Amino acid sequence: MIEKYRIIYVDETDEEIRRFQNYASADFDVVAMKPLPDLDQMVELILAEKFDAIVSDYKLKEGAPEVTYDGIELVQKIEEVRENFPCFVLTSYDGDAAQEADDVNLVYVRDVLKQKDGLTFKERIRLQILKYISRVNEMETEIKQLIAKKRAVGLEFDEEKRLAELDHFLERSICKTCAIPTEMKDPTYLRKMTELLDATKILIESVRGKDARN
């Protein structure tokens, strides 16, 4: 059975919310949200949920003039906290949205919801979720192997450096703004390594909404 991942959909209009729910609900657990006026409050509301991806309308101000941001700004703010997290923006104004986005690959014209040939939008969402989860799991495995070797025989310089890099990635995935800058970490940095595996489990819980699998 294919796992039904949880995605947040942000839109200011009931009609577009219903349209997206009709499109995606058979494949995903869709949590619909209307934008709050303040960006920081909206990000806080989203991050309080357990979810695997976020899809936002681009012109959030169009039907809600009190909103002070658009969909690009919203997902960029999410990515400031969750690095490389699966984020998507739907728009009827692809030119403007693509120019505003740092990553044009996150912007999709709404007609993509009608696509039946090739890779569909739902398949793109699932692939990005799986890619993100796979990357986290691979790094967790590598960390376990390096820690076991460290305890048994010690690590070479490059292995110590790699361990610090993995630590940094997982910190930024959990909370990018809380991560210790890489340049401040010595290659022999192993403090908090035991907590790192616990942090990884917390990350996977936040991504998948359930306990991480061993």
N, C-alpha and C. Protein backbone atom coordinates (compact mmCIF):
# COMPACT_ATOMS: atom_id res chain seq x y z
N MET A 1 0.84 -1.21 0.00
CA MET A 1 0.00 0.00 0.00
C MET A 1 0.87 1.25 0.00
N ILE A 2 0.57 2.20 -0.89
CA ILE A 2 1.34 3.43 -0.96
C ILE A 2 1.01 4.31 0.23
N GLU A 3 2.07 4.82 0.87
CA GLU A 3 1.87 5.66 2.06
C GLU A 3 1.22 6.98 1.67
N LYS A 4 0.28 7.43 2.48
CA LYS A 4 -0.44 8.67 2.21
C LYS A 4 0.20 9.78 3.02
N TYR A 5 1.06 10.56 2.39
CA TYR A 5 1.76 11.63 3.07
C TYR A 5 0.83 12.81 3.33
N ARG A 6 1.27 13.64 4.28
CA ARG A 6 0.45 14.78 4.71
C ARG A 6 1.02 16.07 4.13
N ILE A 7 0.20 16.80 3.38
CA ILE A 7 0.67 18.06 2.82
C ILE A 7 -0.25 19.20 3.24
N ILE A 8 0.35 20.37 3.41
CA ILE A 8 -0.40 21.58 3.73
C ILE A 8 -0.64 22.36 2.44
N TYR A 9 -1.87 22.78 2.24
CA TYR A 9 -2.19 23.62 1.09
C TYR A 9 -2.70 24.97 1.58
N VAL A 10 -2.05 26.03 1.12
CA VAL A 10 -2.39 27.39 1.57
C VAL A 10 -3.01 28.16 0.41
N ASP A 11 -4.21 28.69 0.63
CA ASP A 11 -4.89 29.49 -0.39
C ASP A 11 -5.90 30.38 0.31
N GLU A 12 -6.18 31.53 -0.30
CA GLU A 12 -7.10 32.47 0.34
C GLU A 12 -8.54 32.28 -0.11
N THR A 13 -8.78 31.47 -1.14
CA THR A 13 -10.14 31.31 -1.66
C THR A 13 -10.67 29.90 -1.43
N ASP A 14 -11.93 29.82 -1.04
CA ASP A 14 -12.56 28.52 -0.80
C ASP A 14 -12.62 27.68 -2.08
N GLU A 15 -12.85 28.34 -3.21
CA GLU A 15 -12.98 27.62 -4.47
C GLU A 15 -11.69 26.89 -4.82
N GLU A 16 -10.54 27.56 -4.69
CA GLU A 16 -9.26 26.93 -5.02
C GLU A 16 -8.90 25.86 -4.00
N ILE A 17 -9.29 26.06 -2.75
CA ILE A 17 -9.04 25.04 -1.73
C ILE A 17 -9.81 23.76 -2.08
N ARG A 18 -11.09 23.91 -2.44
CA ARG A 18 -11.88 22.74 -2.81
C ARG A 18 -11.31 22.07 -4.05
N ARG A 19 -10.85 22.88 -5.01
CA ARG A 19 -10.30 22.34 -6.25
C ARG A 19 -9.05 21.50 -5.97
N PHE A 20 -8.20 22.03 -5.10
CA PHE A 20 -6.97 21.28 -4.80
C PHE A 20 -7.27 20.03 -3.98
N GLN A 21 -8.20 20.14 -3.03
CA GLN A 21 -8.59 18.96 -2.26
C GLN A 21 -9.15 17.87 -3.16
N ASN A 22 -9.99 18.24 -4.12
CA ASN A 22 -10.54 17.26 -5.06
C ASN A 22 -9.43 16.62 -5.88
N TYR A 23 -8.42 17.41 -6.20
CA TYR A 23 -7.31 16.91 -7.01
C TYR A 23 -6.41 15.96 -6.23
N ALA A 24 -6.11 16.30 -4.98
CA ALA A 24 -5.03 15.59 -4.28
C ALA A 24 -5.47 14.67 -3.15
N SER A 25 -6.69 14.78 -2.68
CA SER A 25 -7.09 14.05 -1.46
C SER A 25 -7.06 12.54 -1.59
N ALA A 26 -7.18 12.03 -2.79
CA ALA A 26 -7.11 10.57 -2.96
C ALA A 26 -5.70 10.04 -2.73
N ASP A 27 -4.71 10.91 -2.90
CA ASP A 27 -3.32 10.49 -2.79
C ASP A 27 -2.60 11.03 -1.56
N PHE A 28 -3.12 12.13 -0.99
CA PHE A 28 -2.48 12.76 0.15
C PHE A 28 -3.51 13.14 1.20
N ASP A 29 -3.04 13.26 2.42
CA ASP A 29 -3.84 13.85 3.49
C ASP A 29 -3.63 15.36 3.39
N VAL A 30 -4.63 16.08 2.86
CA VAL A 30 -4.49 17.51 2.59
C VAL A 30 -5.02 18.32 3.76
N VAL A 31 -4.16 19.17 4.32
CA VAL A 31 -4.55 20.09 5.38
C VAL A 31 -4.64 21.48 4.77
N ALA A 32 -5.86 22.00 4.63
CA ALA A 32 -6.06 23.31 4.01
C ALA A 32 -5.93 24.42 5.04
N MET A 33 -5.24 25.49 4.66
CA MET A 33 -5.07 26.65 5.53
C MET A 33 -5.29 27.92 4.72
N LYS A 34 -5.98 28.87 5.32
CA LYS A 34 -6.06 30.20 4.73
C LYS A 34 -4.95 31.07 5.35
N PRO A 35 -4.37 31.97 4.57
CA PRO A 35 -3.24 32.75 5.08
C PRO A 35 -3.64 33.74 6.16
N LEU A 36 -2.84 33.80 7.21
CA LEU A 36 -3.00 34.85 8.21
C LEU A 36 -2.39 36.14 7.66
N PRO A 37 -2.79 37.29 8.17
CA PRO A 37 -2.23 38.55 7.65
C PRO A 37 -0.72 38.66 7.81
N ASP A 38 -0.18 38.17 8.92
CA ASP A 38 1.25 38.32 9.21
C ASP A 38 2.03 37.07 8.83
N LEU A 39 3.14 37.25 8.14
CA LEU A 39 3.93 36.12 7.64
C LEU A 39 4.49 35.28 8.78
N ASP A 40 5.08 35.91 9.78
CA ASP A 40 5.68 35.15 10.88
C ASP A 40 4.65 34.32 11.62
N GLN A 41 3.46 34.88 11.82
CA GLN A 41 2.40 34.13 12.49
C GLN A 41 1.95 32.95 11.63
N MET A 42 1.92 33.14 10.32
CA MET A 42 1.52 32.05 9.43
C MET A 42 2.54 30.93 9.46
N VAL A 43 3.82 31.27 9.43
CA VAL A 43 4.87 30.26 9.49
C VAL A 43 4.80 29.50 10.81
N GLU A 44 4.56 30.21 11.89
CA GLU A 44 4.43 29.55 13.20
C GLU A 44 3.26 28.57 13.21
N LEU A 45 2.15 28.97 12.61
CA LEU A 45 0.97 28.10 12.53
C LEU A 45 1.29 26.85 11.73
N ILE A 46 1.97 27.00 10.61
CA ILE A 46 2.32 25.86 9.75
C ILE A 46 3.26 24.92 10.47
N LEU A 47 4.29 25.46 11.09
CA LEU A 47 5.30 24.61 11.73
C LEU A 47 4.77 23.88 12.95
N ALA A 48 3.62 24.32 13.45
CA ALA A 48 2.99 23.61 14.57
C ALA A 48 2.35 22.30 14.10
N GLU A 49 2.18 22.16 12.78
CA GLU A 49 1.60 20.94 12.20
C GLU A 49 2.71 19.94 11.88
N LYS A 50 2.32 18.67 11.78
CA LYS A 50 3.22 17.64 11.27
C LYS A 50 2.87 17.42 9.81
N PHE A 51 3.83 17.64 8.92
CA PHE A 51 3.51 17.57 7.50
C PHE A 51 4.76 17.18 6.71
N ASP A 52 4.52 16.69 5.49
CA ASP A 52 5.60 16.19 4.64
C ASP A 52 5.95 17.12 3.50
N ALA A 53 5.07 18.05 3.16
CA ALA A 53 5.32 19.01 2.09
C ALA A 53 4.33 20.15 2.23
N ILE A 54 4.63 21.28 1.57
CA ILE A 54 3.71 22.41 1.57
C ILE A 54 3.52 22.89 0.15
N VAL A 55 2.26 23.16 -0.20
CA VAL A 55 1.89 23.73 -1.49
C VAL A 55 1.13 25.02 -1.20
N SER A 56 1.54 26.11 -1.85
CA SER A 56 0.89 27.39 -1.61
C SER A 56 0.47 28.05 -2.91
N ASP A 57 -0.64 28.75 -2.87
CA ASP A 57 -1.01 29.64 -3.97
C ASP A 57 0.00 30.79 -4.01
N TYR A 58 0.20 31.37 -5.19
CA TYR A 58 1.14 32.48 -5.30
C TYR A 58 0.53 33.80 -4.85
N LYS A 59 -0.59 34.19 -5.45
CA LYS A 59 -1.20 35.49 -5.16
C LYS A 59 -2.12 35.41 -3.95
N LEU A 60 -1.54 35.26 -2.78
CA LEU A 60 -2.33 35.14 -1.55
C LEU A 60 -3.06 36.44 -1.21
N LYS A 61 -2.56 37.56 -1.72
CA LYS A 61 -3.18 38.86 -1.43
C LYS A 61 -4.38 39.13 -2.33
N GLU A 62 -4.52 38.37 -3.39
CA GLU A 62 -5.53 38.67 -4.40
C GLU A 62 -6.95 38.63 -3.83
N GLY A 63 -7.25 37.60 -3.04
CA GLY A 63 -8.57 37.50 -2.44
C GLY A 63 -8.58 37.86 -0.97
N ALA A 64 -7.41 38.29 -0.45
CA ALA A 64 -7.30 38.66 0.97
C ALA A 64 -6.31 39.82 1.09
N PRO A 65 -6.76 41.04 0.82
CA PRO A 65 -5.86 42.20 0.79
C PRO A 65 -5.14 42.48 2.10
N GLU A 66 -5.63 41.90 3.19
CA GLU A 66 -4.96 42.11 4.48
C GLU A 66 -3.68 41.30 4.61
N VAL A 67 -3.49 40.31 3.74
CA VAL A 67 -2.28 39.49 3.77
C VAL A 67 -1.10 40.30 3.26
N THR A 68 0.04 40.21 3.92
CA THR A 68 1.19 41.07 3.62
C THR A 68 2.30 40.35 2.85
N TYR A 69 2.04 39.16 2.31
CA TYR A 69 3.08 38.37 1.66
C TYR A 69 2.43 37.52 0.57
N ASP A 70 3.26 36.95 -0.28
CA ASP A 70 2.74 36.04 -1.30
C ASP A 70 3.27 34.62 -1.05
N GLY A 71 2.91 33.69 -1.94
CA GLY A 71 3.29 32.29 -1.73
C GLY A 71 4.78 32.05 -1.79
N ILE A 72 5.49 32.81 -2.64
CA ILE A 72 6.95 32.66 -2.72
C ILE A 72 7.58 33.04 -1.39
N GLU A 73 7.15 34.17 -0.84
CA GLU A 73 7.71 34.61 0.45
C GLU A 73 7.40 33.60 1.56
N LEU A 74 6.23 33.00 1.49
CA LEU A 74 5.85 32.02 2.51
C LEU A 74 6.76 30.79 2.48
N VAL A 75 6.93 30.20 1.30
CA VAL A 75 7.75 28.99 1.25
C VAL A 75 9.22 29.30 1.49
N GLN A 76 9.68 30.47 1.09
CA GLN A 76 11.06 30.85 1.40
C GLN A 76 11.27 30.97 2.90
N LYS A 77 10.26 31.45 3.59
CA LYS A 77 10.36 31.55 5.05
C LYS A 77 10.37 30.15 5.68
N ILE A 78 9.59 29.24 5.14
CA ILE A 78 9.62 27.86 5.62
C ILE A 78 11.00 27.25 5.40
N GLU A 79 11.58 27.51 4.24
CA GLU A 79 12.89 26.96 3.93
C GLU A 79 14.00 27.57 4.77
N GLU A 80 13.76 28.74 5.35
CA GLU A 80 14.73 29.32 6.27
C GLU A 80 14.83 28.49 7.54
N VAL A 81 13.76 27.79 7.85
CA VAL A 81 13.72 26.97 9.06
C VAL A 81 14.01 25.51 8.73
N ARG A 82 13.44 25.00 7.63
CA ARG A 82 13.61 23.61 7.22
C ARG A 82 14.35 23.57 5.88
N GLU A 83 15.64 23.39 5.93
CA GLU A 83 16.44 23.43 4.71
C GLU A 83 16.08 22.27 3.78
N ASN A 84 15.95 22.61 2.48
CA ASN A 84 15.68 21.61 1.43
C ASN A 84 14.34 20.90 1.59
N PHE A 85 13.42 21.50 2.32
CA PHE A 85 12.12 20.87 2.56
C PHE A 85 11.27 20.95 1.28
N PRO A 86 10.43 19.93 1.00
CA PRO A 86 9.60 19.95 -0.21
C PRO A 86 8.56 21.07 -0.18
N CYS A 87 8.75 22.07 -1.02
CA CYS A 87 7.86 23.23 -1.10
C CYS A 87 7.48 23.48 -2.56
N PHE A 88 6.22 23.89 -2.78
CA PHE A 88 5.70 24.11 -4.13
C PHE A 88 4.80 25.34 -4.12
N VAL A 89 4.81 26.09 -5.24
CA VAL A 89 3.93 27.25 -5.40
C VAL A 89 3.14 27.08 -6.69
N LEU A 90 1.82 27.23 -6.59
CA LEU A 90 0.95 27.18 -7.76
C LEU A 90 0.54 28.59 -8.15
N THR A 91 0.56 28.88 -9.45
CA THR A 91 0.26 30.24 -9.88
C THR A 91 -0.36 30.27 -11.26
N SER A 92 -1.10 31.32 -11.52
CA SER A 92 -1.56 31.61 -12.87
C SER A 92 -0.67 32.68 -13.49
N TYR A 93 0.29 33.15 -12.71
CA TYR A 93 1.19 34.23 -13.12
C TYR A 93 2.62 33.71 -13.09
N ASP A 94 2.93 32.72 -13.91
CA ASP A 94 4.21 32.03 -13.82
C ASP A 94 5.40 32.95 -14.06
N GLY A 95 5.27 33.95 -14.93
CA GLY A 95 6.39 34.84 -15.21
C GLY A 95 6.83 35.60 -13.98
N ASP A 96 5.89 36.27 -13.31
CA ASP A 96 6.21 37.04 -12.11
C ASP A 96 6.72 36.14 -11.00
N ALA A 97 6.07 35.01 -10.79
CA ALA A 97 6.45 34.11 -9.69
C ALA A 97 7.83 33.54 -9.92
N ALA A 98 8.14 33.14 -11.15
CA ALA A 98 9.43 32.55 -11.45
C ALA A 98 10.55 33.55 -11.24
N GLN A 99 10.31 34.81 -11.59
CA GLN A 99 11.33 35.84 -11.40
C GLN A 99 11.57 36.11 -9.92
N GLU A 100 10.53 36.01 -9.13
CA GLU A 100 10.66 36.29 -7.70
C GLU A 100 11.32 35.15 -6.94
N ALA A 101 11.14 33.91 -7.40
CA ALA A 101 11.64 32.74 -6.69
C ALA A 101 13.14 32.57 -6.88
N ASP A 102 13.83 32.17 -5.81
CA ASP A 102 15.24 31.82 -5.93
C ASP A 102 15.40 30.53 -6.71
N ASP A 103 14.45 29.63 -6.55
CA ASP A 103 14.46 28.34 -7.24
C ASP A 103 13.23 28.25 -8.13
N VAL A 104 13.42 28.41 -9.43
CA VAL A 104 12.26 28.41 -10.34
C VAL A 104 11.60 27.05 -10.39
N ASN A 105 12.26 26.01 -9.90
CA ASN A 105 11.69 24.66 -9.94
C ASN A 105 10.57 24.48 -8.93
N LEU A 106 10.39 25.43 -8.01
CA LEU A 106 9.31 25.28 -7.04
C LEU A 106 8.01 25.92 -7.54
N VAL A 107 8.05 26.63 -8.67
CA VAL A 107 6.87 27.33 -9.20
C VAL A 107 6.23 26.53 -10.32
N TYR A 108 4.90 26.33 -10.23
CA TYR A 108 4.16 25.56 -11.23
C TYR A 108 2.89 26.31 -11.63
N VAL A 109 2.65 26.38 -12.92
CA VAL A 109 1.40 26.96 -13.41
C VAL A 109 0.24 26.03 -13.05
N ARG A 110 -0.89 26.60 -12.70
CA ARG A 110 -2.02 25.79 -12.21
C ARG A 110 -2.50 24.74 -13.21
N ASP A 111 -2.23 24.95 -14.47
CA ASP A 111 -2.63 23.95 -15.47
C ASP A 111 -1.97 22.60 -15.22
N VAL A 112 -0.91 22.58 -14.40
CA VAL A 112 -0.24 21.31 -14.10
C VAL A 112 -1.19 20.35 -13.39
N LEU A 113 -2.21 20.88 -12.74
CA LEU A 113 -3.18 20.02 -12.05
C LEU A 113 -4.04 19.23 -13.03
N LYS A 114 -4.09 19.69 -14.28
CA LYS A 114 -4.86 18.99 -15.30
C LYS A 114 -4.02 18.00 -16.09
N GLN A 115 -2.72 18.02 -15.84
CA GLN A 115 -1.81 17.17 -16.62
C GLN A 115 -2.06 15.69 -16.35
N LYS A 116 -2.15 14.92 -17.42
CA LYS A 116 -2.37 13.48 -17.29
C LYS A 116 -1.22 12.68 -17.88
N ASP A 117 -0.47 13.29 -18.77
CA ASP A 117 0.66 12.60 -19.40
C ASP A 117 1.96 12.99 -18.70
N GLY A 118 2.92 12.07 -18.73
CA GLY A 118 4.21 12.37 -18.12
C GLY A 118 4.12 12.40 -16.60
N LEU A 119 5.07 13.09 -15.99
CA LEU A 119 5.12 13.18 -14.53
C LEU A 119 4.10 14.18 -14.04
N THR A 120 3.10 13.72 -13.29
CA THR A 120 2.06 14.62 -12.81
C THR A 120 2.56 15.42 -11.61
N PHE A 121 1.79 16.44 -11.26
CA PHE A 121 2.17 17.27 -10.11
C PHE A 121 2.15 16.46 -8.82
N LYS A 122 1.16 15.58 -8.68
CA LYS A 122 1.11 14.73 -7.48
C LYS A 122 2.33 13.82 -7.39
N GLU A 123 2.77 13.32 -8.53
CA GLU A 123 3.96 12.47 -8.54
C GLU A 123 5.21 13.28 -8.19
N ARG A 124 5.25 14.52 -8.64
CA ARG A 124 6.38 15.39 -8.30
C ARG A 124 6.45 15.62 -6.78
N ILE A 125 5.30 15.86 -6.19
CA ILE A 125 5.26 16.07 -4.73
C ILE A 125 5.76 14.83 -4.01
N ARG A 126 5.23 13.67 -4.40
CA ARG A 126 5.64 12.43 -3.74
C ARG A 126 7.14 12.17 -3.91
N LEU A 127 7.65 12.40 -5.10
CA LEU A 127 9.07 12.17 -5.34
C LEU A 127 9.95 13.07 -4.47
N GLN A 128 9.55 14.33 -4.33
CA GLN A 128 10.33 15.25 -3.49
C GLN A 128 10.27 14.85 -2.02
N ILE A 129 9.12 14.39 -1.57
CA ILE A 129 9.00 13.91 -0.18
C ILE A 129 9.91 12.71 0.03
N LEU A 130 9.85 11.75 -0.88
CA LEU A 130 10.66 10.54 -0.75
C LEU A 130 12.15 10.87 -0.81
N LYS A 131 12.51 11.80 -1.67
CA LYS A 131 13.91 12.22 -1.79
C LYS A 131 14.40 12.83 -0.49
N TYR A 132 13.57 13.67 0.11
CA TYR A 132 13.93 14.33 1.36
C TYR A 132 14.09 13.31 2.50
N ILE A 133 13.12 12.43 2.63
CA ILE A 133 13.17 11.41 3.68
C ILE A 133 14.36 10.48 3.48
N SER A 134 14.59 10.09 2.23
CA SER A 134 15.72 9.21 1.92
C SER A 134 17.05 9.85 2.30
N ARG A 135 17.17 11.13 2.00
CA ARG A 135 18.43 11.82 2.32
C ARG A 135 18.67 11.85 3.83
N VAL A 136 17.61 12.13 4.59
CA VAL A 136 17.75 12.15 6.04
C VAL A 136 18.11 10.77 6.57
N ASN A 137 17.45 9.73 6.07
CA ASN A 137 17.72 8.37 6.52
C ASN A 137 19.14 7.92 6.18
N GLU A 138 19.61 8.29 4.98
CA GLU A 138 20.97 7.93 4.59
C GLU A 138 21.99 8.60 5.51
N MET A 139 21.74 9.85 5.85
CA MET A 139 22.67 10.55 6.73
C MET A 139 22.64 9.97 8.14
N GLU A 140 21.46 9.56 8.60
CA GLU A 140 21.37 8.94 9.91
C GLU A 140 22.20 7.65 9.94
N THR A 141 22.10 6.85 8.88
CA THR A 141 22.88 5.60 8.80
C THR A 141 24.37 5.89 8.79
N GLU A 142 24.77 6.89 8.01
CA GLU A 142 26.19 7.22 7.93
C GLU A 142 26.72 7.72 9.27
N ILE A 143 25.92 8.50 9.98
CA ILE A 143 26.32 8.99 11.29
C ILE A 143 26.52 7.83 12.26
N LYS A 144 25.59 6.88 12.25
CA LYS A 144 25.71 5.72 13.13
C LYS A 144 27.00 4.96 12.85
N GLN A 145 27.32 4.79 11.58
CA GLN A 145 28.53 4.06 11.20
C GLN A 145 29.79 4.80 11.65
N LEU A 146 29.81 6.11 11.47
CA LEU A 146 30.97 6.89 11.86
C LEU A 146 31.15 6.92 13.38
N ILE A 147 30.05 7.03 14.10
CA ILE A 147 30.14 7.03 15.56
C ILE A 147 30.64 5.68 16.07
N ALA A 148 30.13 4.60 15.47
CA ALA A 148 30.59 3.26 15.87
C ALA A 148 32.08 3.10 15.61
N LYS A 149 32.55 3.58 14.47
CA LYS A 149 33.98 3.48 14.16
C LYS A 149 34.80 4.36 15.10
N LYS A 150 34.29 5.54 15.42
CA LYS A 150 34.98 6.44 16.34
C LYS A 150 35.19 5.77 17.69
N ARG A 151 34.17 5.10 18.17
CA ARG A 151 34.26 4.44 19.46
C ARG A 151 35.19 3.23 19.42
N ALA A 152 35.24 2.58 18.24
CA ALA A 152 36.04 1.35 18.13
C ALA A 152 37.52 1.62 17.87
N VAL A 153 37.80 2.39 16.83
CA VAL A 153 39.21 2.57 16.44
C VAL A 153 39.59 4.03 16.19
N GLY A 154 38.62 4.93 16.26
CA GLY A 154 38.91 6.32 15.96
C GLY A 154 38.68 6.63 14.49
N LEU A 155 38.66 7.93 14.16
CA LEU A 155 38.38 8.38 12.80
C LEU A 155 39.56 9.12 12.21
N GLU A 156 39.69 9.02 10.90
CA GLU A 156 40.65 9.85 10.18
C GLU A 156 40.13 11.28 10.12
N PHE A 157 41.03 12.20 9.73
CA PHE A 157 40.66 13.62 9.68
C PHE A 157 39.44 13.85 8.79
N ASP A 158 39.44 13.25 7.58
CA ASP A 158 38.33 13.44 6.64
C ASP A 158 37.03 12.89 7.20
N GLU A 159 37.11 11.82 7.96
CA GLU A 159 35.91 11.23 8.55
C GLU A 159 35.36 12.11 9.67
N GLU A 160 36.28 12.70 10.46
CA GLU A 160 35.86 13.65 11.49
C GLU A 160 35.14 14.84 10.85
N LYS A 161 35.71 15.32 9.75
CA LYS A 161 35.12 16.45 9.04
C LYS A 161 33.73 16.09 8.49
N ARG A 162 33.62 14.89 7.95
CA ARG A 162 32.34 14.44 7.42
C ARG A 162 31.29 14.35 8.51
N LEU A 163 31.68 13.87 9.68
CA LEU A 163 30.75 13.76 10.80
C LEU A 163 30.23 15.14 11.20
N ALA A 164 31.12 16.12 11.19
CA ALA A 164 30.69 17.48 11.51
C ALA A 164 29.74 18.02 10.44
N GLU A 165 29.99 17.70 9.18
CA GLU A 165 29.11 18.13 8.09
C GLU A 165 27.72 17.53 8.23
N LEU A 166 27.67 16.24 8.57
CA LEU A 166 26.37 15.57 8.75
C LEU A 166 25.61 16.19 9.92
N ASP A 167 26.32 16.46 10.98
CA ASP A 167 25.72 17.11 12.14
C ASP A 167 25.10 18.44 11.73
N HIS A 168 25.86 19.20 10.94
CA HIS A 168 25.40 20.53 10.53
C HIS A 168 24.16 20.43 9.66
N PHE A 169 24.14 19.47 8.73
CA PHE A 169 22.97 19.32 7.87
C PHE A 169 21.72 19.00 8.67
N LEU A 170 21.84 18.06 9.62
CA LEU A 170 20.66 17.66 10.39
C LEU A 170 20.17 18.80 11.28
N GLU A 171 21.11 19.57 11.81
CA GLU A 171 20.71 20.74 12.60
C GLU A 171 19.90 21.71 11.74
N ARG A 172 20.37 21.96 10.53
CA ARG A 172 19.70 22.91 9.65
C ARG A 172 18.38 22.35 9.11
N SER A 173 18.27 21.04 9.02
CA SER A 173 17.02 20.44 8.59
C SER A 173 15.96 20.57 9.67
N ILE A 174 16.39 20.44 10.92
CA ILE A 174 15.47 20.56 12.04
C ILE A 174 15.13 22.02 12.30
N CYS A 175 16.16 22.85 12.33
CA CYS A 175 15.97 24.28 12.57
C CYS A 175 17.16 25.01 11.96
N LYS A 176 17.02 25.45 10.73
CA LYS A 176 18.13 26.04 10.00
C LYS A 176 18.68 27.28 10.71
N THR A 177 17.79 28.09 11.28
CA THR A 177 18.23 29.32 11.93
C THR A 177 18.93 29.06 13.25
N CYS A 178 18.80 27.83 13.80
CA CYS A 178 19.44 27.50 15.07
C CYS A 178 20.79 26.81 14.88
N ALA A 179 21.14 26.48 13.65
CA ALA A 179 22.35 25.70 13.41
C ALA A 179 23.61 26.50 13.72
N ILE A 180 24.62 25.80 14.22
CA ILE A 180 25.92 26.41 14.45
C ILE A 180 26.64 26.54 13.12
N PRO A 181 27.16 27.72 12.76
CA PRO A 181 27.84 27.87 11.47
C PRO A 181 28.95 26.85 11.30
N THR A 182 29.10 26.31 10.08
CA THR A 182 30.10 25.28 9.80
C THR A 182 31.49 25.73 10.17
N GLU A 183 31.81 27.00 9.88
CA GLU A 183 33.17 27.48 10.13
C GLU A 183 33.53 27.53 11.61
N MET A 184 32.51 27.44 12.47
CA MET A 184 32.77 27.46 13.91
C MET A 184 32.96 26.06 14.49
N LYS A 185 32.84 25.03 13.63
CA LYS A 185 32.97 23.66 14.10
C LYS A 185 34.34 23.11 13.75
N ASP A 186 35.05 22.66 14.71
CA ASP A 186 36.33 22.00 14.49
C ASP A 186 36.07 20.62 13.91
N PRO A 187 36.93 20.11 13.03
CA PRO A 187 36.72 18.76 12.48
C PRO A 187 36.64 17.68 13.54
N THR A 188 37.19 17.93 14.72
CA THR A 188 37.14 16.93 15.78
C THR A 188 35.89 17.13 16.65
N TYR A 189 35.00 17.97 16.19
CA TYR A 189 33.78 18.26 16.96
C TYR A 189 32.88 17.03 17.07
N LEU A 190 32.76 16.50 18.29
CA LEU A 190 31.88 15.35 18.51
C LEU A 190 30.90 15.60 19.65
N ARG A 191 30.96 16.79 20.22
CA ARG A 191 30.06 17.10 21.32
C ARG A 191 28.63 17.06 20.81
N LYS A 192 27.76 16.48 21.58
CA LYS A 192 26.35 16.31 21.29
C LYS A 192 26.08 15.21 20.26
N MET A 193 27.03 14.35 19.97
CA MET A 193 26.78 13.30 18.99
C MET A 193 25.72 12.32 19.47
N THR A 194 25.68 12.07 20.77
CA THR A 194 24.65 11.16 21.26
C THR A 194 23.26 11.78 21.10
N GLU A 195 23.16 13.11 21.29
CA GLU A 195 21.88 13.78 21.10
C GLU A 195 21.49 13.87 19.63
N LEU A 196 22.47 13.75 18.74
CA LEU A 196 22.20 13.90 17.32
C LEU A 196 21.22 12.86 16.80
N LEU A 197 21.39 11.62 17.24
CA LEU A 197 20.47 10.58 16.78
C LEU A 197 19.06 10.84 17.28
N ASP A 198 18.95 11.35 18.51
CA ASP A 198 17.62 11.71 19.02
C ASP A 198 17.04 12.85 18.19
N ALA A 199 17.88 13.81 17.83
CA ALA A 199 17.42 14.94 17.01
C ALA A 199 16.95 14.46 15.65
N THR A 200 17.63 13.45 15.11
CA THR A 200 17.24 12.90 13.82
C THR A 200 15.86 12.28 13.90
N LYS A 201 15.60 11.56 14.99
CA LYS A 201 14.28 10.96 15.16
C LYS A 201 13.20 12.03 15.26
N ILE A 202 13.51 13.13 15.94
CA ILE A 202 12.55 14.23 16.05
C ILE A 202 12.28 14.81 14.67
N LEU A 203 13.34 14.95 13.86
CA LEU A 203 13.18 15.46 12.50
C LEU A 203 12.25 14.58 11.69
N ILE A 204 12.49 13.27 11.73
CA ILE A 204 11.68 12.36 10.94
C ILE A 204 10.24 12.38 11.41
N GLU A 205 10.03 12.50 12.73
CA GLU A 205 8.67 12.61 13.25
C GLU A 205 7.99 13.85 12.68
N SER A 206 8.72 14.97 12.63
CA SER A 206 8.14 16.20 12.12
C SER A 206 7.86 16.12 10.64
N VAL A 207 8.66 15.34 9.92
CA VAL A 207 8.48 15.20 8.47
C VAL A 207 7.36 14.23 8.16
N ARG A 208 7.31 13.13 8.87
CA ARG A 208 6.39 12.05 8.53
C ARG A 208 5.20 11.94 9.47
N GLY A 209 5.26 12.64 10.61
CA GLY A 209 4.12 12.61 11.52
C GLY A 209 3.99 11.31 12.27
N LYS A 210 5.12 10.61 12.42
CA LYS A 210 5.09 9.36 13.16
C LYS A 210 6.50 9.03 13.61
N ASP A 211 6.64 8.03 14.44
CA ASP A 211 7.97 7.64 14.92
C ASP A 211 8.85 7.21 13.76
N ALA A 212 10.13 7.58 13.82
CA ALA A 212 11.06 7.15 12.79
C ALA A 212 11.29 5.64 12.86
N ARG A 213 11.43 5.04 11.67
CA ARG A 213 11.70 3.61 11.63
C ARG A 213 13.19 3.37 11.75
N ASN A 214 13.54 2.32 12.51
CA ASN A 214 14.94 1.98 12.65
C ASN A 214 15.44 1.30 11.40
